[in-house]
């Protein structure tokens, strides 16, 4: 039997993405920096779900904000 995941936390496990977006809103960083800071987040989410035994991982569940 396969386990299905319904999605993953979009702000990061330790709110990393939210912190980056807050910096962008305060004009501390630009859009390019957002992409650089979050480029591995989707990959890490998928790897974590695989590690937990999720066999049916949804695609396109990565977003910069809910």
Protein backbone atom coordinates (compact mmCIF):
# COMPACT_ATOMS: atom_id res chain seq x y z
CA UNK A 1 0.00 0.00 0.00
CA UNK A 2 1.32 3.44 -0.91
CA UNK A 3 0.99 6.51 1.26
CA UNK A 4 -0.21 9.70 -0.41
CA UNK A 5 1.01 13.12 0.70
CA UNK A 6 -1.35 16.06 0.35
CA UNK A 7 1.38 18.68 0.25
CA UNK A 8 4.09 20.14 2.41
CA UNK A 9 4.73 23.20 4.54
CA UNK A 10 5.25 26.08 2.16
CA UNK A 11 7.08 28.37 4.53
CA UNK A 12 9.81 25.85 5.34
CA UNK A 13 10.27 23.64 8.37
CA UNK A 14 11.87 26.50 10.29
CA UNK A 15 10.01 29.28 8.44
CA UNK A 16 12.99 29.87 6.12
CA UNK A 17 10.90 30.90 3.13
CA UNK A 18 8.75 33.25 5.19
CA UNK A 19 11.86 34.99 6.51
CA UNK A 20 13.18 35.44 2.96
CA UNK A 21 9.83 36.85 1.79
CA UNK A 22 9.74 39.24 4.73
CA UNK A 23 13.17 40.51 3.69
CA UNK A 24 11.87 41.00 0.15
CA UNK A 25 8.85 42.95 1.39
CA UNK A 26 11.18 45.22 3.35
CA UNK A 27 13.25 45.64 0.16
CA UNK A 28 16.33 44.12 1.79
CA UNK A 29 16.69 41.54 -1.01
CA UNK A 30 15.44 41.25 -4.61
CA UNK A 31 13.56 38.53 -6.56
CA UNK A 32 16.76 36.86 -7.69
CA UNK A 33 17.78 36.44 -4.07
CA UNK A 34 14.44 34.79 -3.27
CA UNK A 35 15.09 32.16 -5.95
CA UNK A 36 18.64 31.59 -4.72
CA UNK A 37 17.58 31.30 -1.09
CA UNK A 38 14.75 28.84 -1.79
CA UNK A 39 16.08 26.80 -4.73
CA UNK A 40 16.70 23.65 -2.69
CA UNK A 41 13.55 23.83 -0.56
CA UNK A 42 11.36 21.87 -3.01
CA UNK A 43 14.02 19.19 -3.41
CA UNK A 44 14.41 18.88 0.35
CA UNK A 45 10.65 18.59 0.78
CA UNK A 46 10.47 15.72 -1.74
CA UNK A 47 13.45 13.94 -0.20
CA UNK A 48 11.92 14.26 3.27
CA UNK A 49 8.60 12.84 2.11
CA UNK A 50 10.40 9.92 0.45
CA UNK A 51 12.32 9.32 3.69
CA UNK A 52 9.00 9.17 5.56
CA UNK A 53 7.74 6.53 3.14
CA UNK A 54 5.36 8.65 1.10
CA UNK A 55 4.98 6.86 -2.23
CA UNK A 56 2.65 9.27 -4.01
CA UNK A 57 4.17 12.74 -3.78
CA UNK A 58 2.11 15.57 -5.25
CA UNK A 59 3.82 17.72 -7.85
CA UNK A 60 3.68 21.48 -7.95
CA UNK A 61 3.08 21.78 -4.21
CA UNK A 62 5.94 24.26 -3.85
CA UNK A 63 4.96 27.87 -3.48
CA UNK A 64 6.60 30.91 -1.99
CA UNK A 65 3.58 31.60 0.21
CA UNK A 66 0.23 30.07 1.16
